[in-house]
Amino acid sequence: MHLVLIRHAQSLNNRLYAQTGGKGGRHPDPPLSDMGFEQARLLGEAANRIPHLDSSLTTRAVQTAAPLATALSLPVQGTDTLHEIGGLYLGQMTGPRTSTAGQTRQTLQRICPELRWPAHLDGRTAWDGGFEENDEQVYADRARTVLHDLRARHAVTDRVGLITHQNFAQFLLAALLGSPLSRLPAKLVLDNTATCELELGPRGTRLLFLNRHDHLPGHLVTN
């Protein structure tokens, strides 16, 4: 199996952090910025050879998925385990936090009509936001759950795209590469809409490329 990890396009929070260096005024489930929508459009134009596409249920991930789904004529499988570490919350990661829900199926399907709602979730209520304890072992366990589910749903010859998030990708990469650590000791950067492809084989996992963003002109590369 080939896995293509895709980080979402620039969100309003990403822009806030870049402009201010701080997280005051952050949104628990931010939409894309204007630049983010352009990044997602260019990703869709450049995409090819991804016959299966899964996406986090955050607004920014689904907005990133929409032009890909259109370009590739693909359904998008919504996945409630691909969200960023900590889930959706009010407050700061290092301080008091309060859980908050995400969007409803109807709202996200207006953004991306190709989105398939997870079968185990009630389509009449909003996604609960995936709030979780701030604990690396919790994130690592979720990453292993994601990979177990992918292997159960896909053939060894499949190529699958996952639209996910910068920090959770670190735990996915550690699990994929067989690291005994919860996460890799050095952070592997994934810029907005950048991709990372791995080949999962019987003898282990090969990293084919990391942080590939040649669909973007230089002035649109953001983190």
N, C-alpha and C. Protein backbone atom coordinates (compact mmCIF):
# COMPACT_ATOMS: atom_id res chain seq x y z
N MET A 1 0.84 -1.20 0.00
CA MET A 1 0.00 0.00 0.00
C MET A 1 0.87 1.25 0.00
N HIS A 2 0.42 2.25 -0.74
CA HIS A 2 1.07 3.55 -0.71
C HIS A 2 0.17 4.52 0.05
N LEU A 3 0.73 5.24 1.00
CA LEU A 3 0.00 6.27 1.73
C LEU A 3 0.57 7.63 1.37
N VAL A 4 -0.30 8.56 1.05
CA VAL A 4 0.10 9.94 0.77
C VAL A 4 -0.50 10.82 1.86
N LEU A 5 0.35 11.27 2.78
CA LEU A 5 -0.11 12.19 3.82
C LEU A 5 -0.15 13.59 3.23
N ILE A 6 -1.26 14.27 3.39
CA ILE A 6 -1.46 15.62 2.84
C ILE A 6 -1.85 16.54 3.99
N ARG A 7 -1.05 17.56 4.21
CA ARG A 7 -1.45 18.52 5.24
C ARG A 7 -2.47 19.50 4.65
N HIS A 8 -3.43 19.90 5.46
CA HIS A 8 -4.44 20.86 5.02
C HIS A 8 -3.79 22.17 4.58
N ALA A 9 -4.52 22.97 3.82
CA ALA A 9 -4.05 24.28 3.37
C ALA A 9 -4.03 25.26 4.56
N GLN A 10 -3.48 26.45 4.30
CA GLN A 10 -3.33 27.43 5.38
C GLN A 10 -4.69 27.81 5.97
N SER A 11 -4.79 27.68 7.28
CA SER A 11 -6.01 28.08 7.98
C SER A 11 -5.84 29.49 8.54
N LEU A 12 -6.95 30.04 9.03
CA LEU A 12 -6.87 31.36 9.67
C LEU A 12 -5.98 31.32 10.91
N ASN A 13 -5.96 30.18 11.62
CA ASN A 13 -5.05 30.06 12.76
C ASN A 13 -3.59 30.06 12.30
N ASN A 14 -3.29 29.31 11.23
CA ASN A 14 -1.92 29.32 10.70
C ASN A 14 -1.48 30.74 10.36
N ARG A 15 -2.37 31.49 9.73
CA ARG A 15 -2.05 32.88 9.38
C ARG A 15 -1.86 33.72 10.63
N LEU A 16 -2.71 33.52 11.62
CA LEU A 16 -2.59 34.25 12.89
C LEU A 16 -1.24 33.99 13.53
N TYR A 17 -0.83 32.72 13.61
CA TYR A 17 0.44 32.39 14.25
C TYR A 17 1.60 33.01 13.48
N ALA A 18 1.53 32.97 12.15
CA ALA A 18 2.61 33.52 11.33
C ALA A 18 2.72 35.04 11.50
N GLN A 19 1.58 35.70 11.64
CA GLN A 19 1.58 37.16 11.71
C GLN A 19 1.90 37.69 13.09
N THR A 20 1.49 36.96 14.14
CA THR A 20 1.62 37.49 15.50
C THR A 20 2.62 36.72 16.36
N GLY A 21 2.95 35.50 15.95
CA GLY A 21 3.82 34.67 16.78
C GLY A 21 3.13 34.11 18.01
N GLY A 22 1.85 34.37 18.15
CA GLY A 22 1.09 33.88 19.30
C GLY A 22 -0.22 33.26 18.89
N LYS A 23 -0.94 32.73 19.89
CA LYS A 23 -2.18 32.02 19.61
C LYS A 23 -3.40 32.71 20.20
N GLY A 24 -3.23 33.94 20.67
CA GLY A 24 -4.36 34.69 21.17
C GLY A 24 -5.36 34.96 20.07
N GLY A 25 -6.63 34.60 20.31
CA GLY A 25 -7.65 34.77 19.29
C GLY A 25 -7.82 33.59 18.36
N ARG A 26 -7.17 32.47 18.68
CA ARG A 26 -7.29 31.29 17.83
C ARG A 26 -8.73 30.80 17.80
N HIS A 27 -9.09 30.13 16.70
CA HIS A 27 -10.42 29.54 16.53
C HIS A 27 -10.30 28.04 16.73
N PRO A 28 -11.24 27.40 17.43
CA PRO A 28 -11.12 25.96 17.66
C PRO A 28 -11.22 25.12 16.39
N ASP A 29 -11.92 25.62 15.38
CA ASP A 29 -12.09 24.87 14.13
C ASP A 29 -12.01 25.86 12.96
N PRO A 30 -10.81 26.39 12.71
CA PRO A 30 -10.70 27.50 11.75
C PRO A 30 -10.92 27.08 10.31
N PRO A 31 -11.52 27.96 9.52
CA PRO A 31 -11.59 27.73 8.07
C PRO A 31 -10.27 28.12 7.42
N LEU A 32 -10.19 27.91 6.12
CA LEU A 32 -9.00 28.31 5.37
C LEU A 32 -8.96 29.83 5.21
N SER A 33 -7.74 30.35 5.09
CA SER A 33 -7.54 31.73 4.70
C SER A 33 -7.71 31.84 3.18
N ASP A 34 -7.69 33.07 2.67
CA ASP A 34 -7.75 33.24 1.22
C ASP A 34 -6.57 32.54 0.55
N MET A 35 -5.39 32.64 1.16
CA MET A 35 -4.22 31.95 0.60
C MET A 35 -4.42 30.44 0.67
N GLY A 36 -5.04 29.97 1.74
CA GLY A 36 -5.30 28.54 1.87
C GLY A 36 -6.20 28.01 0.77
N PHE A 37 -7.24 28.78 0.43
CA PHE A 37 -8.11 28.35 -0.67
C PHE A 37 -7.34 28.26 -1.99
N GLU A 38 -6.41 29.19 -2.20
CA GLU A 38 -5.59 29.14 -3.42
C GLU A 38 -4.65 27.94 -3.41
N GLN A 39 -4.06 27.65 -2.26
CA GLN A 39 -3.20 26.46 -2.14
C GLN A 39 -3.99 25.19 -2.45
N ALA A 40 -5.19 25.10 -1.90
CA ALA A 40 -6.03 23.91 -2.12
C ALA A 40 -6.42 23.79 -3.59
N ARG A 41 -6.71 24.91 -4.21
CA ARG A 41 -7.06 24.88 -5.65
C ARG A 41 -5.89 24.35 -6.47
N LEU A 42 -4.68 24.82 -6.18
CA LEU A 42 -3.50 24.38 -6.92
C LEU A 42 -3.18 22.92 -6.63
N LEU A 43 -3.40 22.49 -5.41
CA LEU A 43 -3.22 21.07 -5.10
C LEU A 43 -4.17 20.22 -5.94
N GLY A 44 -5.42 20.66 -6.04
CA GLY A 44 -6.39 19.92 -6.85
C GLY A 44 -5.99 19.85 -8.30
N GLU A 45 -5.45 20.96 -8.84
CA GLU A 45 -5.03 20.98 -10.24
C GLU A 45 -3.87 20.03 -10.51
N ALA A 46 -3.00 19.86 -9.50
CA ALA A 46 -1.79 19.06 -9.69
C ALA A 46 -1.99 17.59 -9.32
N ALA A 47 -3.08 17.27 -8.64
CA ALA A 47 -3.25 15.92 -8.10
C ALA A 47 -3.46 14.89 -9.19
N ASN A 48 -2.94 13.71 -8.95
CA ASN A 48 -3.18 12.57 -9.84
C ASN A 48 -2.88 11.28 -9.10
N ARG A 49 -3.38 10.20 -9.64
CA ARG A 49 -3.07 8.85 -9.13
C ARG A 49 -3.36 8.67 -7.64
N ILE A 50 -4.45 9.26 -7.15
CA ILE A 50 -4.90 8.97 -5.79
C ILE A 50 -6.34 8.44 -5.91
N PRO A 51 -6.49 7.13 -5.97
CA PRO A 51 -7.84 6.57 -6.18
C PRO A 51 -8.69 6.50 -4.91
N HIS A 52 -8.07 6.73 -3.74
CA HIS A 52 -8.81 6.71 -2.48
C HIS A 52 -8.39 7.93 -1.65
N LEU A 53 -9.38 8.59 -1.04
CA LEU A 53 -9.09 9.82 -0.31
C LEU A 53 -9.87 9.84 0.99
N ASP A 54 -9.14 10.00 2.10
CA ASP A 54 -9.74 10.14 3.43
C ASP A 54 -9.41 11.53 3.96
N SER A 55 -10.29 12.07 4.79
CA SER A 55 -10.05 13.41 5.33
C SER A 55 -10.48 13.50 6.78
N SER A 56 -9.71 14.24 7.54
CA SER A 56 -10.12 14.71 8.86
C SER A 56 -11.46 15.44 8.72
N LEU A 57 -12.22 15.50 9.80
CA LEU A 57 -13.51 16.19 9.79
C LEU A 57 -13.40 17.65 10.24
N THR A 58 -12.21 18.18 10.36
CA THR A 58 -12.08 19.61 10.65
C THR A 58 -12.47 20.41 9.41
N THR A 59 -12.92 21.63 9.65
CA THR A 59 -13.34 22.47 8.53
C THR A 59 -12.21 22.68 7.53
N ARG A 60 -11.01 22.97 8.02
CA ARG A 60 -9.88 23.26 7.13
C ARG A 60 -9.49 22.05 6.30
N ALA A 61 -9.62 20.86 6.86
CA ALA A 61 -9.29 19.65 6.10
C ALA A 61 -10.32 19.39 5.00
N VAL A 62 -11.60 19.54 5.33
CA VAL A 62 -12.65 19.28 4.34
C VAL A 62 -12.59 20.34 3.23
N GLN A 63 -12.29 21.59 3.59
CA GLN A 63 -12.13 22.61 2.55
C GLN A 63 -10.94 22.31 1.65
N THR A 64 -9.90 21.69 2.19
CA THR A 64 -8.75 21.27 1.38
C THR A 64 -9.13 20.10 0.48
N ALA A 65 -9.97 19.21 1.00
CA ALA A 65 -10.36 18.01 0.24
C ALA A 65 -11.25 18.34 -0.95
N ALA A 66 -12.05 19.39 -0.84
CA ALA A 66 -13.09 19.66 -1.85
C ALA A 66 -12.53 19.78 -3.27
N PRO A 67 -11.50 20.61 -3.54
CA PRO A 67 -11.00 20.68 -4.92
C PRO A 67 -10.30 19.41 -5.36
N LEU A 68 -9.72 18.66 -4.42
CA LEU A 68 -9.11 17.37 -4.78
C LEU A 68 -10.19 16.40 -5.23
N ALA A 69 -11.28 16.34 -4.48
CA ALA A 69 -12.36 15.42 -4.83
C ALA A 69 -12.93 15.75 -6.19
N THR A 70 -13.09 17.05 -6.47
CA THR A 70 -13.62 17.47 -7.76
C THR A 70 -12.66 17.10 -8.89
N ALA A 71 -11.37 17.39 -8.68
CA ALA A 71 -10.38 17.13 -9.73
C ALA A 71 -10.23 15.65 -10.02
N LEU A 72 -10.32 14.83 -8.97
CA LEU A 72 -10.08 13.40 -9.12
C LEU A 72 -11.37 12.61 -9.30
N SER A 73 -12.52 13.29 -9.23
CA SER A 73 -13.84 12.63 -9.32
C SER A 73 -13.93 11.49 -8.30
N LEU A 74 -13.60 11.84 -7.05
CA LEU A 74 -13.54 10.84 -5.99
C LEU A 74 -14.47 11.18 -4.84
N PRO A 75 -15.03 10.16 -4.19
CA PRO A 75 -15.64 10.40 -2.89
C PRO A 75 -14.54 10.64 -1.85
N VAL A 76 -14.87 11.35 -0.80
CA VAL A 76 -13.94 11.60 0.30
C VAL A 76 -14.50 10.91 1.54
N GLN A 77 -13.75 9.97 2.08
CA GLN A 77 -14.21 9.30 3.29
C GLN A 77 -13.85 10.14 4.51
N GLY A 78 -14.85 10.71 5.15
CA GLY A 78 -14.61 11.43 6.39
C GLY A 78 -14.15 10.47 7.47
N THR A 79 -13.14 10.89 8.23
CA THR A 79 -12.55 10.03 9.25
C THR A 79 -12.39 10.82 10.54
N ASP A 80 -13.02 10.36 11.60
CA ASP A 80 -13.02 11.13 12.85
C ASP A 80 -11.82 10.85 13.73
N THR A 81 -10.79 10.21 13.16
CA THR A 81 -9.56 9.96 13.92
C THR A 81 -8.34 10.65 13.29
N LEU A 82 -8.53 11.45 12.26
CA LEU A 82 -7.40 12.11 11.58
C LEU A 82 -7.18 13.55 12.03
N HIS A 83 -7.93 14.00 13.03
CA HIS A 83 -7.86 15.39 13.46
C HIS A 83 -6.52 15.72 14.15
N GLU A 84 -6.31 16.99 14.40
CA GLU A 84 -5.08 17.45 15.05
C GLU A 84 -5.04 16.98 16.50
N ILE A 85 -3.85 16.91 17.06
CA ILE A 85 -3.71 16.45 18.45
C ILE A 85 -4.53 17.36 19.38
N GLY A 86 -5.15 16.74 20.35
CA GLY A 86 -5.96 17.48 21.29
C GLY A 86 -7.42 17.61 20.89
N GLY A 87 -7.72 17.47 19.60
CA GLY A 87 -9.08 17.66 19.13
C GLY A 87 -9.46 19.12 19.11
N LEU A 88 -10.75 19.40 19.04
CA LEU A 88 -11.23 20.78 19.02
C LEU A 88 -11.47 21.25 20.45
N TYR A 89 -10.98 22.46 20.76
CA TYR A 89 -11.10 22.95 22.13
C TYR A 89 -11.04 24.48 22.16
N LEU A 90 -11.61 25.02 23.22
CA LEU A 90 -11.48 26.43 23.55
C LEU A 90 -10.38 26.55 24.60
N GLY A 91 -9.54 27.58 24.48
CA GLY A 91 -8.43 27.74 25.41
C GLY A 91 -7.11 27.48 24.73
N GLN A 92 -6.10 27.11 25.53
CA GLN A 92 -4.75 26.86 25.03
C GLN A 92 -4.33 25.44 25.38
N MET A 93 -3.55 24.82 24.50
CA MET A 93 -3.12 23.44 24.71
C MET A 93 -2.38 23.27 26.04
N THR A 94 -1.62 24.28 26.44
CA THR A 94 -0.81 24.17 27.65
C THR A 94 -1.53 24.68 28.90
N GLY A 95 -2.78 25.08 28.76
CA GLY A 95 -3.55 25.58 29.90
C GLY A 95 -4.91 24.92 29.97
N PRO A 96 -5.83 25.55 30.69
CA PRO A 96 -7.19 25.00 30.78
C PRO A 96 -7.84 24.94 29.39
N ARG A 97 -8.50 23.83 29.11
CA ARG A 97 -9.16 23.66 27.80
C ARG A 97 -10.58 23.17 28.02
N THR A 98 -11.44 23.58 27.12
CA THR A 98 -12.83 23.13 27.14
C THR A 98 -13.16 22.54 25.78
N SER A 99 -13.73 21.36 25.76
CA SER A 99 -14.06 20.70 24.50
C SER A 99 -15.15 21.47 23.77
N THR A 100 -15.12 21.37 22.45
CA THR A 100 -16.16 21.98 21.63
C THR A 100 -16.41 21.09 20.41
N ALA A 101 -17.62 21.12 19.92
CA ALA A 101 -17.99 20.25 18.80
C ALA A 101 -17.54 20.85 17.47
N GLY A 102 -17.45 19.99 16.47
CA GLY A 102 -17.14 20.43 15.11
C GLY A 102 -18.41 20.73 14.34
N GLN A 103 -18.34 20.54 13.04
CA GLN A 103 -19.47 20.85 12.16
C GLN A 103 -20.39 19.65 11.99
N THR A 104 -21.58 19.92 11.48
CA THR A 104 -22.53 18.86 11.17
C THR A 104 -22.21 18.25 9.81
N ARG A 105 -22.80 17.10 9.56
CA ARG A 105 -22.65 16.47 8.25
C ARG A 105 -23.14 17.39 7.14
N GLN A 106 -24.29 18.04 7.36
CA GLN A 106 -24.85 18.90 6.33
C GLN A 106 -23.92 20.06 6.00
N THR A 107 -23.33 20.65 7.02
CA THR A 107 -22.42 21.78 6.80
C THR A 107 -21.19 21.34 6.02
N LEU A 108 -20.60 20.23 6.42
CA LEU A 108 -19.38 19.77 5.74
C LEU A 108 -19.68 19.28 4.33
N GLN A 109 -20.85 18.71 4.10
CA GLN A 109 -21.19 18.26 2.76
C GLN A 109 -21.55 19.43 1.84
N ARG A 110 -21.94 20.56 2.41
CA ARG A 110 -22.08 21.77 1.59
C ARG A 110 -20.71 22.26 1.11
N ILE A 111 -19.70 22.09 1.97
CA ILE A 111 -18.33 22.46 1.60
C ILE A 111 -17.78 21.48 0.56
N CYS A 112 -18.03 20.21 0.79
CA CYS A 112 -17.50 19.14 -0.08
C CYS A 112 -18.61 18.12 -0.30
N PRO A 113 -19.39 18.25 -1.38
CA PRO A 113 -20.50 17.34 -1.62
C PRO A 113 -20.08 15.87 -1.71
N GLU A 114 -18.82 15.63 -2.01
CA GLU A 114 -18.34 14.24 -2.15
C GLU A 114 -18.02 13.58 -0.81
N LEU A 115 -18.14 14.34 0.29
CA LEU A 115 -17.79 13.80 1.61
C LEU A 115 -18.76 12.70 2.03
N ARG A 116 -18.21 11.59 2.45
CA ARG A 116 -18.99 10.50 3.03
C ARG A 116 -18.84 10.56 4.55
N TRP A 117 -19.93 10.67 5.23
CA TRP A 117 -19.92 10.75 6.69
C TRP A 117 -19.58 9.38 7.28
N PRO A 118 -18.75 9.33 8.33
CA PRO A 118 -18.43 8.03 8.93
C PRO A 118 -19.68 7.27 9.34
N ALA A 119 -19.73 6.00 9.00
CA ALA A 119 -20.95 5.21 9.21
C ALA A 119 -21.32 5.09 10.69
N HIS A 120 -20.33 5.13 11.57
CA HIS A 120 -20.60 4.93 12.99
C HIS A 120 -21.03 6.21 13.70
N LEU A 121 -21.01 7.35 13.01
CA LEU A 121 -21.42 8.61 13.61
C LEU A 121 -22.87 8.94 13.24
N ASP A 122 -23.57 9.55 14.18
CA ASP A 122 -24.95 9.98 13.94
C ASP A 122 -24.92 11.18 13.00
N GLY A 123 -25.52 11.04 11.84
CA GLY A 123 -25.52 12.12 10.87
C GLY A 123 -26.43 13.27 11.22
N ARG A 124 -27.20 13.13 12.30
CA ARG A 124 -28.12 14.20 12.68
C ARG A 124 -27.50 15.19 13.65
N THR A 125 -26.34 14.86 14.18
CA THR A 125 -25.67 15.74 15.15
C THR A 125 -24.26 16.07 14.67
N ALA A 126 -23.70 17.12 15.23
CA ALA A 126 -22.35 17.53 14.85
C ALA A 126 -21.31 16.52 15.33
N TRP A 127 -20.20 16.44 14.60
CA TRP A 127 -19.04 15.68 15.07
C TRP A 127 -18.63 16.24 16.43
N ASP A 128 -18.28 15.37 17.36
CA ASP A 128 -18.01 15.82 18.73
C ASP A 128 -16.68 16.57 18.88
N GLY A 129 -15.86 16.60 17.84
CA GLY A 129 -14.63 17.38 17.87
C GLY A 129 -13.39 16.61 18.29
N GLY A 130 -13.56 15.37 18.76
CA GLY A 130 -12.40 14.54 19.06
C GLY A 130 -11.54 15.01 20.22
N PHE A 131 -12.12 15.74 21.18
CA PHE A 131 -11.34 16.24 22.32
C PHE A 131 -10.67 15.07 23.04
N GLU A 132 -9.40 15.26 23.41
CA GLU A 132 -8.65 14.19 24.06
C GLU A 132 -7.62 14.77 25.01
N GLU A 133 -7.15 13.92 25.89
CA GLU A 133 -6.12 14.32 26.86
C GLU A 133 -4.84 14.73 26.13
N ASN A 134 -4.17 15.73 26.65
CA ASN A 134 -2.89 16.18 26.08
C ASN A 134 -1.79 15.23 26.53
N ASP A 135 -1.65 14.14 25.80
CA ASP A 135 -0.75 13.06 26.19
C ASP A 135 -0.22 12.38 24.93
N GLU A 136 1.09 12.31 24.79
CA GLU A 136 1.67 11.73 23.57
C GLU A 136 1.27 10.29 23.35
N GLN A 137 1.06 9.54 24.43
CA GLN A 137 0.66 8.14 24.26
C GLN A 137 -0.74 8.05 23.68
N VAL A 138 -1.61 8.98 24.06
CA VAL A 138 -2.96 9.02 23.50
C VAL A 138 -2.89 9.27 21.99
N TYR A 139 -2.04 10.19 21.59
CA TYR A 139 -1.91 10.51 20.16
C TYR A 139 -1.31 9.32 19.40
N ALA A 140 -0.31 8.68 20.01
CA ALA A 140 0.33 7.54 19.35
C ALA A 140 -0.65 6.38 19.19
N ASP A 141 -1.48 6.14 20.21
CA ASP A 141 -2.47 5.07 20.12
C ASP A 141 -3.48 5.38 19.01
N ARG A 142 -3.87 6.64 18.89
CA ARG A 142 -4.81 7.02 17.82
C ARG A 142 -4.17 6.82 16.45
N ALA A 143 -2.90 7.15 16.32
CA ALA A 143 -2.20 6.95 15.05
C ALA A 143 -2.19 5.47 14.67
N ARG A 144 -1.94 4.60 15.63
CA ARG A 144 -1.94 3.17 15.34
C ARG A 144 -3.35 2.68 14.96
N THR A 145 -4.37 3.27 15.59
CA THR A 145 -5.75 2.92 15.23
C THR A 145 -6.05 3.30 13.79
N VAL A 146 -5.59 4.50 13.38
CA VAL A 146 -5.78 4.95 11.99
C VAL A 146 -5.14 3.95 11.02
N LEU A 147 -3.92 3.55 11.30
CA LEU A 147 -3.22 2.65 10.39
C LEU A 147 -3.86 1.26 10.36
N HIS A 148 -4.30 0.79 11.52
CA HIS A 148 -4.99 -0.51 11.56
C HIS A 148 -6.26 -0.47 10.71
N ASP A 149 -7.01 0.63 10.82
CA ASP A 149 -8.24 0.77 10.03
C ASP A 149 -7.93 0.83 8.53
N LEU A 150 -6.88 1.54 8.15
CA LEU A 150 -6.52 1.64 6.73
C LEU A 150 -6.17 0.27 6.17
N ARG A 151 -5.40 -0.49 6.92
CA ARG A 151 -5.00 -1.82 6.45
C ARG A 151 -6.21 -2.74 6.34
N ALA A 152 -7.19 -2.54 7.20
CA ALA A 152 -8.40 -3.38 7.14
C ALA A 152 -9.28 -3.03 5.96
N ARG A 153 -9.26 -1.77 5.54
CA ARG A 153 -10.17 -1.31 4.49
C ARG A 153 -9.58 -1.35 3.09
N HIS A 154 -8.24 -1.43 2.99
CA HIS A 154 -7.61 -1.29 1.68
C HIS A 154 -6.72 -2.48 1.33
N ALA A 155 -6.62 -2.72 0.03
CA ALA A 155 -5.74 -3.78 -0.47
C ALA A 155 -4.30 -3.31 -0.43
N VAL A 156 -3.38 -4.26 -0.47
CA VAL A 156 -1.95 -3.93 -0.39
C VAL A 156 -1.50 -3.14 -1.62
N THR A 157 -2.28 -3.19 -2.70
CA THR A 157 -1.92 -2.47 -3.92
C THR A 157 -2.55 -1.08 -4.01
N ASP A 158 -3.35 -0.70 -3.01
CA ASP A 158 -4.05 0.59 -3.05
C ASP A 158 -3.10 1.76 -2.79
N ARG A 159 -3.48 2.92 -3.31
CA ARG A 159 -2.80 4.19 -3.03
C ARG A 159 -3.84 5.11 -2.39
N VAL A 160 -3.56 5.54 -1.18
CA VAL A 160 -4.56 6.24 -0.37
C VAL A 160 -4.01 7.59 0.07
N GLY A 161 -4.80 8.64 -0.14
CA GLY A 161 -4.45 9.97 0.35
C GLY A 161 -5.16 10.25 1.67
N LEU A 162 -4.42 10.81 2.63
CA LEU A 162 -4.98 11.17 3.93
C LEU A 162 -4.79 12.66 4.15
N ILE A 163 -5.87 13.41 4.27
CA ILE A 163 -5.75 14.83 4.57
C ILE A 163 -5.80 14.99 6.09
N THR A 164 -4.67 15.43 6.65
CA THR A 164 -4.54 15.45 8.10
C THR A 164 -3.82 16.73 8.53
N HIS A 165 -3.08 16.66 9.64
CA HIS A 165 -2.58 17.86 10.31
C HIS A 165 -1.11 17.70 10.69
N GLN A 166 -0.44 18.84 10.81
CA GLN A 166 1.01 18.86 11.03
C GLN A 166 1.46 18.03 12.23
N ASN A 167 0.87 18.28 13.39
CA ASN A 167 1.37 17.61 14.59
C ASN A 167 0.94 16.15 14.65
N PHE A 168 -0.30 15.85 14.25
CA PHE A 168 -0.72 14.44 14.27
C PHE A 168 0.07 13.64 13.25
N ALA A 169 0.50 14.28 12.16
CA ALA A 169 1.31 13.57 11.16
C ALA A 169 2.60 13.03 11.76
N GLN A 170 3.13 13.69 12.78
CA GLN A 170 4.36 13.20 13.42
C GLN A 170 4.15 11.84 14.06
N PHE A 171 2.98 11.65 14.65
CA PHE A 171 2.66 10.37 15.28
C PHE A 171 2.34 9.30 14.23
N LEU A 172 1.68 9.71 13.15
CA LEU A 172 1.44 8.77 12.05
C LEU A 172 2.76 8.29 11.45
N LEU A 173 3.69 9.22 11.23
CA LEU A 173 4.98 8.86 10.65
C LEU A 173 5.77 7.93 11.57
N ALA A 174 5.73 8.19 12.86
CA ALA A 174 6.43 7.31 13.81
C ALA A 174 5.86 5.90 13.75
N ALA A 175 4.53 5.80 13.71
CA ALA A 175 3.90 4.48 13.65
C ALA A 175 4.21 3.78 12.33
N LEU A 176 4.17 4.53 11.24
CA LEU A 176 4.44 3.96 9.92
C LEU A 176 5.87 3.47 9.79
N LEU A 177 6.80 4.21 10.37
CA LEU A 177 8.22 3.87 10.24
C LEU A 177 8.69 2.90 11.31
N GLY A 178 7.78 2.45 12.16
CA GLY A 178 8.11 1.44 13.15
C GLY A 178 8.94 1.94 14.30
N SER A 179 8.87 3.22 14.59
CA SER A 179 9.64 3.79 15.69
C SER A 179 9.10 3.27 17.02
N PRO A 180 10.00 2.93 17.98
CA PRO A 180 9.53 2.54 19.31
C PRO A 180 9.04 3.74 20.11
N LEU A 181 9.32 4.95 19.61
CA LEU A 181 8.89 6.17 20.29
C LEU A 181 7.48 6.54 19.87
N SER A 182 6.78 7.30 20.72
CA SER A 182 5.43 7.76 20.37
C SER A 182 5.47 8.63 19.13
N ARG A 183 6.50 9.49 19.07
CA ARG A 183 6.70 10.37 17.92
C ARG A 183 8.17 10.40 17.60
N LEU A 184 8.51 10.84 16.41
CA LEU A 184 9.91 10.89 16.01
C LEU A 184 10.64 11.95 16.82
N PRO A 185 11.94 11.75 17.10
CA PRO A 185 12.67 12.69 17.96
C PRO A 185 12.86 14.07 17.34
N ALA A 186 12.80 14.16 16.02
CA ALA A 186 12.90 15.46 15.34
C ALA A 186 11.62 15.68 14.55
N LYS A 187 11.11 16.90 14.57
CA LYS A 187 9.87 17.20 13.86
C LYS A 187 10.13 17.25 12.36
N LEU A 188 9.34 16.51 11.60
CA LEU A 188 9.42 16.53 10.15
C LEU A 188 8.38 17.51 9.64
N VAL A 189 8.83 18.56 9.01
CA VAL A 189 7.94 19.64 8.61
C VAL A 189 7.08 19.22 7.42
N LEU A 190 5.81 19.54 7.51
CA LEU A 190 4.89 19.43 6.38
C LEU A 190 4.27 20.81 6.19
N ASP A 191 4.61 21.48 5.11
CA ASP A 191 4.01 22.78 4.84
C ASP A 191 2.56 22.60 4.40
N ASN A 192 1.81 23.68 4.38
CA ASN A 192 0.40 23.60 4.00
C ASN A 192 0.24 23.05 2.58
N THR A 193 -0.55 22.02 2.45
CA THR A 193 -0.84 21.22 1.24
C THR A 193 0.35 20.42 0.75
N ALA A 194 1.43 20.37 1.50
CA ALA A 194 2.57 19.52 1.13
C ALA A 194 2.19 18.06 1.33
N THR A 195 2.88 17.18 0.62
CA THR A 195 2.59 15.76 0.69
C THR A 195 3.82 14.97 1.11
N CYS A 196 3.54 13.82 1.68
CA CYS A 196 4.58 12.89 2.11
C CYS A 196 4.09 11.50 1.71
N GLU A 197 4.88 10.79 0.92
CA GLU A 197 4.42 9.47 0.45
C GLU A 197 5.28 8.36 1.05
N LEU A 198 4.60 7.32 1.48
CA LEU A 198 5.27 6.15 2.05
C LEU A 198 4.74 4.88 1.39
N GLU A 199 5.62 3.94 1.20
CA GLU A 199 5.25 2.63 0.67
C GLU A 199 5.30 1.61 1.80
N LEU A 200 4.16 0.98 2.07
CA LEU A 200 4.07 -0.03 3.12
C LEU A 200 4.20 -1.40 2.49
N GLY A 201 5.30 -2.09 2.78
CA GLY A 201 5.54 -3.39 2.19
C GLY A 201 5.74 -4.46 3.23
N PRO A 202 5.88 -5.71 2.80
CA PRO A 202 6.04 -6.82 3.75
C PRO A 202 7.33 -6.75 4.55
N ARG A 203 8.31 -6.00 4.03
CA ARG A 203 9.60 -5.89 4.74
C ARG A 203 9.76 -4.57 5.48
N GLY A 204 8.69 -3.82 5.56
CA GLY A 204 8.77 -2.54 6.26
C GLY A 204 8.25 -1.40 5.40
N THR A 205 8.50 -0.19 5.86
CA THR A 205 7.99 1.01 5.22
C THR A 205 9.13 1.82 4.62
N ARG A 206 8.92 2.27 3.40
CA ARG A 206 9.89 3.16 2.74
C ARG A 206 9.31 4.55 2.62
N LEU A 207 10.10 5.55 3.01
CA LEU A 207 9.70 6.94 2.83
C LEU A 207 10.15 7.36 1.43
N LEU A 208 9.17 7.67 0.56
CA LEU A 208 9.50 8.00 -0.83
C LEU A 208 9.78 9.48 -1.00
N PHE A 209 9.00 10.33 -0.36
CA PHE A 209 9.33 11.76 -0.34
C PHE A 209 8.62 12.42 0.83
N LEU A 210 9.16 13.56 1.23
CA LEU A 210 8.66 14.29 2.39
C LEU A 210 8.52 15.76 2.05
N ASN A 211 7.41 16.37 2.47
CA ASN A 211 7.17 17.81 2.32
C ASN A 211 7.29 18.26 0.86
N ARG A 212 6.64 17.54 -0.01
CA ARG A 212 6.66 17.89 -1.42
C ARG A 212 5.58 18.92 -1.71
N HIS A 213 5.98 20.05 -2.25
CA HIS A 213 5.01 21.12 -2.53
C HIS A 213 5.33 21.82 -3.85
N ASP A 214 5.73 21.04 -4.84
CA ASP A 214 6.10 21.65 -6.13
C ASP A 214 4.89 22.14 -6.92
N HIS A 215 3.68 21.93 -6.39
CA HIS A 215 2.49 22.51 -7.02
C HIS A 215 2.32 23.98 -6.64
N LEU A 216 3.11 24.45 -5.66
CA LEU A 216 2.97 25.81 -5.15
C LEU A 216 4.12 26.70 -5.63
N PRO A 217 3.84 27.93 -6.09
CA PRO A 217 4.92 28.90 -6.28
C PRO A 217 5.48 29.30 -4.91
N GLY A 218 6.69 29.81 -4.92
CA GLY A 218 7.37 30.10 -3.67
C GLY A 218 6.60 30.99 -2.71
N HIS A 219 5.90 31.99 -3.23
CA HIS A 219 5.21 32.92 -2.33
C HIS A 219 3.97 32.32 -1.68
N LEU A 220 3.57 31.10 -2.11
CA LEU A 220 2.43 30.45 -1.52
C LEU A 220 2.83 29.30 -0.59
N VAL A 221 4.12 29.12 -0.34
CA VAL A 221 4.57 28.07 0.58
C VAL A 221 4.49 28.63 2.00
N THR A 222 3.63 28.03 2.82
CA THR A 222 3.44 28.48 4.19
C THR A 222 3.46 27.29 5.14
N ASN A 223 3.68 27.61 6.40
CA ASN A 223 3.67 26.58 7.42
C ASN A 223 2.74 26.98 8.55
